[in-house]
Amino acid sequence: SKSPTVTKSGGVEKNASVPSTPKNNNRTNSVNQATVNLMNGILGTGALGLPYCFKLTGVFLTTTLIVVSACATIYTTQCLLFASAVTDAWSYEEVAFRTLGNRGKMLVRICVVALLMGCSVAYVNIVSDIFSVAVGTIVP
């Protein structure tokens, strides 16, 4: 079987052999669970923070930042899918381990923990800002 190649547009060649299912069935999350978790993460704090972002930076700059973020997300997702296909890995840690070794695996673990902690802090800040006004009117 031939290995996947990158096209000029940055995608994986259509006739490249990309595994459709993992060889080991030890996956803990299904595709549906991963999709729901991703949507929850995107819509959860993002939906709460966007109006405030529009208020601070204006319609043009906020829209520009959203488009740039979307393009960066598409590019990095394509890179991750390509690396996953080439290395036959099915998680961030596996891709990092197979491409960068133990240091890459540890770096991914640290980045995921930092991302989760940052999202938790941001979520608590947004919720406290929203509910502080409501609670202040109820409790003097």
N, C-alpha and C. Protein backbone atom coordinates (compact mmCIF):
# COMPACT_ATOMS: atom_id res chain seq x y z
N SER A 1 0.84 -1.19 0.00
CA SER A 1 0.00 0.00 0.00
C SER A 1 0.87 1.23 0.00
N LYS A 2 0.43 2.25 -0.71
CA LYS A 2 1.25 3.45 -0.78
C LYS A 2 0.92 4.37 0.38
N SER A 3 1.91 5.15 0.79
CA SER A 3 1.69 6.04 1.94
C SER A 3 0.99 7.31 1.47
N PRO A 4 0.22 7.95 2.37
CA PRO A 4 -0.50 9.18 2.01
C PRO A 4 0.46 10.29 1.61
N THR A 5 0.06 11.10 0.65
CA THR A 5 0.85 12.24 0.23
C THR A 5 0.01 13.50 0.34
N VAL A 6 0.68 14.61 0.54
CA VAL A 6 -0.01 15.89 0.68
C VAL A 6 -0.20 16.49 -0.70
N THR A 7 -1.42 16.95 -0.98
CA THR A 7 -1.70 17.63 -2.24
C THR A 7 -1.31 19.09 -2.12
N LYS A 8 -1.36 19.82 -3.25
CA LYS A 8 -1.01 21.24 -3.23
C LYS A 8 -1.95 22.04 -2.35
N SER A 9 -3.19 21.57 -2.20
CA SER A 9 -4.15 22.30 -1.36
C SER A 9 -3.97 21.98 0.12
N GLY A 10 -3.07 21.05 0.45
CA GLY A 10 -2.80 20.74 1.85
C GLY A 10 -3.55 19.54 2.37
N GLY A 11 -4.40 18.91 1.56
CA GLY A 11 -5.16 17.76 2.00
C GLY A 11 -4.41 16.47 1.72
N VAL A 12 -4.97 15.37 2.18
CA VAL A 12 -4.38 14.05 1.91
C VAL A 12 -4.92 13.57 0.58
N GLU A 13 -4.05 13.00 -0.24
CA GLU A 13 -4.45 12.51 -1.55
C GLU A 13 -5.60 11.52 -1.42
N LYS A 14 -6.59 11.62 -2.32
CA LYS A 14 -7.80 10.82 -2.19
C LYS A 14 -7.55 9.32 -2.30
N ASN A 15 -6.65 8.90 -3.16
CA ASN A 15 -6.44 7.48 -3.32
C ASN A 15 -5.34 6.94 -2.40
N ALA A 16 -4.93 7.75 -1.43
CA ALA A 16 -3.92 7.31 -0.48
C ALA A 16 -4.54 6.30 0.47
N SER A 17 -3.73 5.39 0.95
CA SER A 17 -4.26 4.39 1.87
C SER A 17 -4.28 4.97 3.27
N VAL A 18 -5.45 5.37 3.70
CA VAL A 18 -5.65 5.91 5.04
C VAL A 18 -6.49 4.90 5.80
N PRO A 19 -6.00 4.43 6.93
CA PRO A 19 -6.77 3.43 7.66
C PRO A 19 -8.11 3.99 8.11
N SER A 20 -9.17 3.19 7.92
CA SER A 20 -10.51 3.66 8.28
C SER A 20 -10.86 3.30 9.72
N THR A 21 -10.26 2.27 10.25
CA THR A 21 -10.50 1.89 11.64
C THR A 21 -9.18 1.55 12.28
N PRO A 22 -9.08 1.74 13.57
CA PRO A 22 -7.81 1.42 14.24
C PRO A 22 -7.59 -0.09 14.26
N LYS A 23 -6.32 -0.48 14.25
CA LYS A 23 -6.00 -1.90 14.29
C LYS A 23 -6.27 -2.47 15.68
N ASN A 24 -6.01 -1.67 16.70
CA ASN A 24 -6.35 -2.14 18.04
C ASN A 24 -7.67 -1.50 18.45
N ASN A 25 -8.55 -2.27 19.00
CA ASN A 25 -9.88 -1.79 19.36
C ASN A 25 -9.93 -1.32 20.81
N ASN A 26 -8.87 -0.74 21.30
CA ASN A 26 -8.81 -0.28 22.69
C ASN A 26 -9.18 1.18 22.82
N ARG A 27 -9.89 1.73 21.85
CA ARG A 27 -10.29 3.14 21.93
C ARG A 27 -11.32 3.29 23.03
N THR A 28 -11.15 4.31 23.86
CA THR A 28 -12.08 4.50 24.97
C THR A 28 -13.27 5.36 24.59
N ASN A 29 -13.12 6.22 23.60
CA ASN A 29 -14.22 7.09 23.18
C ASN A 29 -14.63 6.76 21.76
N SER A 30 -15.91 6.79 21.52
CA SER A 30 -16.39 6.60 20.16
C SER A 30 -16.34 7.93 19.43
N VAL A 31 -16.57 7.89 18.15
CA VAL A 31 -16.59 9.11 17.35
C VAL A 31 -17.73 10.01 17.81
N ASN A 32 -18.86 9.44 18.13
CA ASN A 32 -20.00 10.24 18.60
C ASN A 32 -19.68 10.96 19.90
N GLN A 33 -19.04 10.27 20.84
CA GLN A 33 -18.67 10.91 22.11
C GLN A 33 -17.67 12.04 21.88
N ALA A 34 -16.71 11.81 21.01
CA ALA A 34 -15.72 12.84 20.71
C ALA A 34 -16.38 14.06 20.07
N THR A 35 -17.33 13.82 19.18
CA THR A 35 -18.04 14.92 18.52
C THR A 35 -18.84 15.73 19.52
N VAL A 36 -19.55 15.05 20.41
CA VAL A 36 -20.33 15.75 21.43
C VAL A 36 -19.42 16.55 22.35
N ASN A 37 -18.30 15.98 22.76
CA ASN A 37 -17.35 16.70 23.62
C ASN A 37 -16.79 17.92 22.92
N LEU A 38 -16.46 17.78 21.64
CA LEU A 38 -15.93 18.91 20.88
C LEU A 38 -16.97 20.02 20.75
N MET A 39 -18.20 19.66 20.41
CA MET A 39 -19.26 20.66 20.29
C MET A 39 -19.54 21.34 21.63
N ASN A 40 -19.52 20.57 22.70
CA ASN A 40 -19.74 21.14 24.02
C ASN A 40 -18.63 22.12 24.39
N GLY A 41 -17.40 21.77 24.08
CA GLY A 41 -16.29 22.67 24.36
C GLY A 41 -16.34 23.94 23.55
N ILE A 42 -16.70 23.82 22.28
CA ILE A 42 -16.76 24.99 21.40
C ILE A 42 -17.94 25.88 21.76
N LEU A 43 -19.11 25.29 21.91
CA LEU A 43 -20.31 26.08 22.13
C LEU A 43 -20.46 26.54 23.57
N GLY A 44 -19.89 25.81 24.52
CA GLY A 44 -20.05 26.15 25.94
C GLY A 44 -19.56 27.54 26.28
N THR A 45 -18.27 27.72 26.36
CA THR A 45 -17.73 29.03 26.73
C THR A 45 -17.70 29.99 25.56
N GLY A 46 -17.58 29.47 24.35
CA GLY A 46 -17.54 30.34 23.17
C GLY A 46 -18.82 31.13 23.00
N ALA A 47 -19.93 30.48 23.19
CA ALA A 47 -21.22 31.16 23.03
C ALA A 47 -21.41 32.23 24.11
N LEU A 48 -20.87 31.98 25.29
CA LEU A 48 -21.00 32.96 26.36
C LEU A 48 -20.07 34.15 26.17
N GLY A 49 -18.90 33.92 25.58
CA GLY A 49 -17.90 34.98 25.46
C GLY A 49 -17.98 35.83 24.21
N LEU A 50 -18.64 35.35 23.16
CA LEU A 50 -18.68 36.11 21.90
C LEU A 50 -19.34 37.47 22.00
N PRO A 51 -20.48 37.62 22.65
CA PRO A 51 -21.06 38.96 22.74
C PRO A 51 -20.12 39.98 23.39
N TYR A 52 -19.41 39.56 24.41
CA TYR A 52 -18.46 40.45 25.09
C TYR A 52 -17.31 40.81 24.15
N CYS A 53 -16.87 39.84 23.36
CA CYS A 53 -15.80 40.09 22.39
C CYS A 53 -16.26 41.10 21.34
N PHE A 54 -17.47 40.94 20.84
CA PHE A 54 -18.01 41.90 19.87
C PHE A 54 -18.12 43.29 20.48
N LYS A 55 -18.51 43.36 21.75
CA LYS A 55 -18.66 44.65 22.42
C LYS A 55 -17.31 45.36 22.55
N LEU A 56 -16.26 44.62 22.91
CA LEU A 56 -14.95 45.23 23.13
C LEU A 56 -14.23 45.60 21.83
N THR A 57 -14.26 44.73 20.83
CA THR A 57 -13.43 44.96 19.66
C THR A 57 -14.18 45.40 18.42
N GLY A 58 -15.49 45.30 18.43
CA GLY A 58 -16.26 45.72 17.26
C GLY A 58 -16.53 44.57 16.31
N VAL A 59 -17.43 44.82 15.39
CA VAL A 59 -17.88 43.76 14.48
C VAL A 59 -16.77 43.35 13.52
N PHE A 60 -16.07 44.31 12.91
CA PHE A 60 -15.07 43.98 11.90
C PHE A 60 -13.91 43.17 12.48
N LEU A 61 -13.31 43.66 13.56
CA LEU A 61 -12.15 42.98 14.13
C LEU A 61 -12.53 41.61 14.69
N THR A 62 -13.67 41.50 15.35
CA THR A 62 -14.09 40.22 15.90
C THR A 62 -14.35 39.22 14.78
N THR A 63 -15.02 39.66 13.72
CA THR A 63 -15.29 38.78 12.59
C THR A 63 -13.98 38.34 11.94
N THR A 64 -13.04 39.27 11.79
CA THR A 64 -11.73 38.94 11.22
C THR A 64 -11.01 37.90 12.09
N LEU A 65 -11.02 38.10 13.39
CA LEU A 65 -10.37 37.15 14.30
C LEU A 65 -11.04 35.77 14.24
N ILE A 66 -12.34 35.73 14.11
CA ILE A 66 -13.05 34.45 14.02
C ILE A 66 -12.67 33.73 12.73
N VAL A 67 -12.58 34.46 11.62
CA VAL A 67 -12.21 33.86 10.34
C VAL A 67 -10.77 33.35 10.39
N VAL A 68 -9.85 34.14 10.95
CA VAL A 68 -8.46 33.70 11.08
C VAL A 68 -8.36 32.46 11.96
N SER A 69 -9.11 32.44 13.06
CA SER A 69 -9.11 31.27 13.94
C SER A 69 -9.67 30.05 13.22
N ALA A 70 -10.71 30.23 12.43
CA ALA A 70 -11.29 29.11 11.68
C ALA A 70 -10.28 28.56 10.68
N CYS A 71 -9.57 29.44 9.97
CA CYS A 71 -8.57 28.99 9.01
C CYS A 71 -7.43 28.24 9.71
N ALA A 72 -6.98 28.75 10.84
CA ALA A 72 -5.93 28.08 11.61
C ALA A 72 -6.41 26.71 12.11
N THR A 73 -7.67 26.63 12.52
CA THR A 73 -8.23 25.37 12.99
C THR A 73 -8.29 24.35 11.86
N ILE A 74 -8.73 24.78 10.68
CA ILE A 74 -8.80 23.88 9.53
C ILE A 74 -7.41 23.37 9.16
N TYR A 75 -6.43 24.27 9.12
CA TYR A 75 -5.08 23.87 8.76
C TYR A 75 -4.49 22.89 9.77
N THR A 76 -4.60 23.19 11.04
CA THR A 76 -4.02 22.30 12.05
C THR A 76 -4.74 20.96 12.11
N THR A 77 -6.05 20.96 11.85
CA THR A 77 -6.78 19.69 11.81
C THR A 77 -6.31 18.84 10.64
N GLN A 78 -6.08 19.47 9.47
CA GLN A 78 -5.55 18.73 8.33
C GLN A 78 -4.17 18.17 8.63
N CYS A 79 -3.33 18.95 9.28
CA CYS A 79 -2.00 18.47 9.64
C CYS A 79 -2.09 17.29 10.60
N LEU A 80 -2.97 17.39 11.58
CA LEU A 80 -3.13 16.30 12.54
C LEU A 80 -3.67 15.04 11.87
N LEU A 81 -4.65 15.19 10.98
CA LEU A 81 -5.18 14.03 10.27
C LEU A 81 -4.13 13.39 9.37
N PHE A 82 -3.33 14.20 8.72
CA PHE A 82 -2.26 13.66 7.88
C PHE A 82 -1.24 12.91 8.73
N ALA A 83 -0.82 13.52 9.84
CA ALA A 83 0.15 12.85 10.72
C ALA A 83 -0.43 11.56 11.29
N SER A 84 -1.72 11.58 11.60
CA SER A 84 -2.38 10.38 12.10
C SER A 84 -2.40 9.29 11.05
N ALA A 85 -2.67 9.65 9.80
CA ALA A 85 -2.70 8.67 8.72
C ALA A 85 -1.32 8.10 8.44
N VAL A 86 -0.30 8.95 8.46
CA VAL A 86 1.05 8.50 8.16
C VAL A 86 1.59 7.60 9.26
N THR A 87 1.33 7.95 10.51
CA THR A 87 1.87 7.18 11.64
C THR A 87 0.94 6.07 12.10
N ASP A 88 -0.27 6.00 11.57
CA ASP A 88 -1.28 5.03 11.98
C ASP A 88 -1.57 5.16 13.47
N ALA A 89 -1.62 6.40 13.96
CA ALA A 89 -1.91 6.68 15.36
C ALA A 89 -3.30 7.27 15.48
N TRP A 90 -3.95 7.04 16.63
CA TRP A 90 -5.34 7.45 16.80
C TRP A 90 -5.56 8.39 17.97
N SER A 91 -4.52 9.00 18.50
CA SER A 91 -4.68 9.99 19.57
C SER A 91 -3.54 11.00 19.46
N TYR A 92 -3.72 12.14 20.13
CA TYR A 92 -2.67 13.15 20.13
C TYR A 92 -1.36 12.56 20.66
N GLU A 93 -1.47 11.84 21.77
CA GLU A 93 -0.27 11.29 22.39
C GLU A 93 0.45 10.31 21.48
N GLU A 94 -0.32 9.46 20.80
CA GLU A 94 0.31 8.50 19.89
C GLU A 94 1.00 9.19 18.72
N VAL A 95 0.34 10.20 18.15
CA VAL A 95 0.95 10.93 17.04
C VAL A 95 2.24 11.60 17.51
N ALA A 96 2.19 12.24 18.67
CA ALA A 96 3.38 12.91 19.20
C ALA A 96 4.49 11.91 19.50
N PHE A 97 4.12 10.78 20.06
CA PHE A 97 5.12 9.76 20.39
C PHE A 97 5.77 9.21 19.14
N ARG A 98 4.96 8.92 18.13
CA ARG A 98 5.51 8.32 16.90
C ARG A 98 6.27 9.31 16.04
N THR A 99 6.02 10.59 16.21
CA THR A 99 6.75 11.58 15.42
C THR A 99 7.90 12.24 16.19
N LEU A 100 7.72 12.44 17.51
CA LEU A 100 8.71 13.17 18.29
C LEU A 100 9.31 12.38 19.45
N GLY A 101 8.82 11.17 19.71
CA GLY A 101 9.35 10.36 20.79
C GLY A 101 8.70 10.69 22.12
N ASN A 102 9.36 10.27 23.21
CA ASN A 102 8.81 10.47 24.56
C ASN A 102 8.65 11.94 24.93
N ARG A 103 9.57 12.78 24.48
CA ARG A 103 9.46 14.21 24.79
C ARG A 103 8.22 14.82 24.15
N GLY A 104 7.91 14.43 22.94
CA GLY A 104 6.71 14.91 22.26
C GLY A 104 5.46 14.46 22.97
N LYS A 105 5.45 13.21 23.43
CA LYS A 105 4.30 12.68 24.16
C LYS A 105 4.09 13.46 25.46
N MET A 106 5.18 13.74 26.17
CA MET A 106 5.08 14.51 27.42
C MET A 106 4.64 15.94 27.14
N LEU A 107 5.14 16.54 26.06
CA LEU A 107 4.75 17.90 25.70
C LEU A 107 3.25 17.97 25.41
N VAL A 108 2.72 16.98 24.71
CA VAL A 108 1.29 16.95 24.42
C VAL A 108 0.50 16.83 25.72
N ARG A 109 0.94 15.98 26.62
CA ARG A 109 0.24 15.84 27.91
C ARG A 109 0.21 17.16 28.67
N ILE A 110 1.35 17.84 28.72
CA ILE A 110 1.43 19.12 29.44
C ILE A 110 0.53 20.16 28.77
N CYS A 111 0.54 20.21 27.44
CA CYS A 111 -0.30 21.18 26.72
C CYS A 111 -1.79 20.91 26.92
N VAL A 112 -2.18 19.65 26.93
CA VAL A 112 -3.60 19.32 27.15
C VAL A 112 -4.03 19.72 28.56
N VAL A 113 -3.20 19.45 29.55
CA VAL A 113 -3.54 19.85 30.93
C VAL A 113 -3.61 21.37 31.03
N ALA A 114 -2.66 22.08 30.43
CA ALA A 114 -2.67 23.54 30.47
C ALA A 114 -3.92 24.09 29.76
N LEU A 115 -4.30 23.50 28.63
CA LEU A 115 -5.50 23.93 27.92
C LEU A 115 -6.74 23.71 28.78
N LEU A 116 -6.85 22.55 29.39
CA LEU A 116 -8.02 22.26 30.22
C LEU A 116 -8.09 23.19 31.43
N MET A 117 -6.96 23.47 32.04
CA MET A 117 -6.95 24.39 33.18
C MET A 117 -7.32 25.81 32.73
N GLY A 118 -6.78 26.24 31.60
CA GLY A 118 -7.11 27.56 31.09
C GLY A 118 -8.57 27.70 30.74
N CYS A 119 -9.14 26.67 30.11
CA CYS A 119 -10.57 26.69 29.78
C CYS A 119 -11.42 26.72 31.04
N SER A 120 -11.01 25.98 32.06
CA SER A 120 -11.76 25.97 33.31
C SER A 120 -11.74 27.35 33.97
N VAL A 121 -10.59 27.98 33.99
CA VAL A 121 -10.49 29.32 34.59
C VAL A 121 -11.32 30.31 33.79
N ALA A 122 -11.24 30.26 32.46
CA ALA A 122 -12.02 31.17 31.63
C ALA A 122 -13.51 30.96 31.83
N TYR A 123 -13.93 29.71 31.92
CA TYR A 123 -15.35 29.40 32.12
C TYR A 123 -15.83 29.94 33.46
N VAL A 124 -15.05 29.75 34.51
CA VAL A 124 -15.44 30.25 35.83
C VAL A 124 -15.51 31.78 35.82
N ASN A 125 -14.56 32.43 35.16
CA ASN A 125 -14.59 33.90 35.06
C ASN A 125 -15.82 34.40 34.33
N ILE A 126 -16.15 33.76 33.21
CA ILE A 126 -17.31 34.20 32.44
C ILE A 126 -18.59 33.99 33.22
N VAL A 127 -18.72 32.81 33.83
CA VAL A 127 -19.93 32.52 34.60
C VAL A 127 -20.05 33.45 35.80
N SER A 128 -18.94 33.73 36.47
CA SER A 128 -19.01 34.63 37.63
C SER A 128 -19.37 36.06 37.20
N ASP A 129 -18.86 36.51 36.05
CA ASP A 129 -19.23 37.83 35.55
C ASP A 129 -20.72 37.91 35.22
N ILE A 130 -21.23 36.84 34.61
CA ILE A 130 -22.64 36.83 34.22
C ILE A 130 -23.55 36.78 35.44
N PHE A 131 -23.22 35.89 36.39
CA PHE A 131 -24.12 35.68 37.52
C PHE A 131 -23.91 36.66 38.67
N SER A 132 -22.80 37.39 38.68
CA SER A 132 -22.57 38.35 39.77
C SER A 132 -23.61 39.46 39.73
N VAL A 133 -24.00 39.86 38.53
CA VAL A 133 -25.02 40.90 38.41
C VAL A 133 -26.37 40.36 38.87
N ALA A 134 -26.70 39.14 38.46
CA ALA A 134 -27.99 38.54 38.84
C ALA A 134 -28.05 38.29 40.34
N VAL A 135 -27.00 37.77 40.91
CA VAL A 135 -26.98 37.48 42.35
C VAL A 135 -26.98 38.79 43.14
N GLY A 136 -26.33 39.81 42.63
CA GLY A 136 -26.29 41.10 43.31
C GLY A 136 -27.67 41.76 43.41
N THR A 137 -28.54 41.46 42.46
CA THR A 137 -29.89 42.01 42.53
C THR A 137 -30.79 41.20 43.46
N ILE A 138 -30.47 39.92 43.63
CA ILE A 138 -31.27 39.06 44.50
C ILE A 138 -30.82 39.17 45.95
N VAL A 139 -29.51 39.08 46.17
CA VAL A 139 -28.95 39.13 47.52
C VAL A 139 -28.29 40.50 47.70
N PRO A 140 -28.79 41.30 48.65
CA PRO A 140 -28.20 42.64 48.81
C PRO A 140 -26.82 42.63 49.43
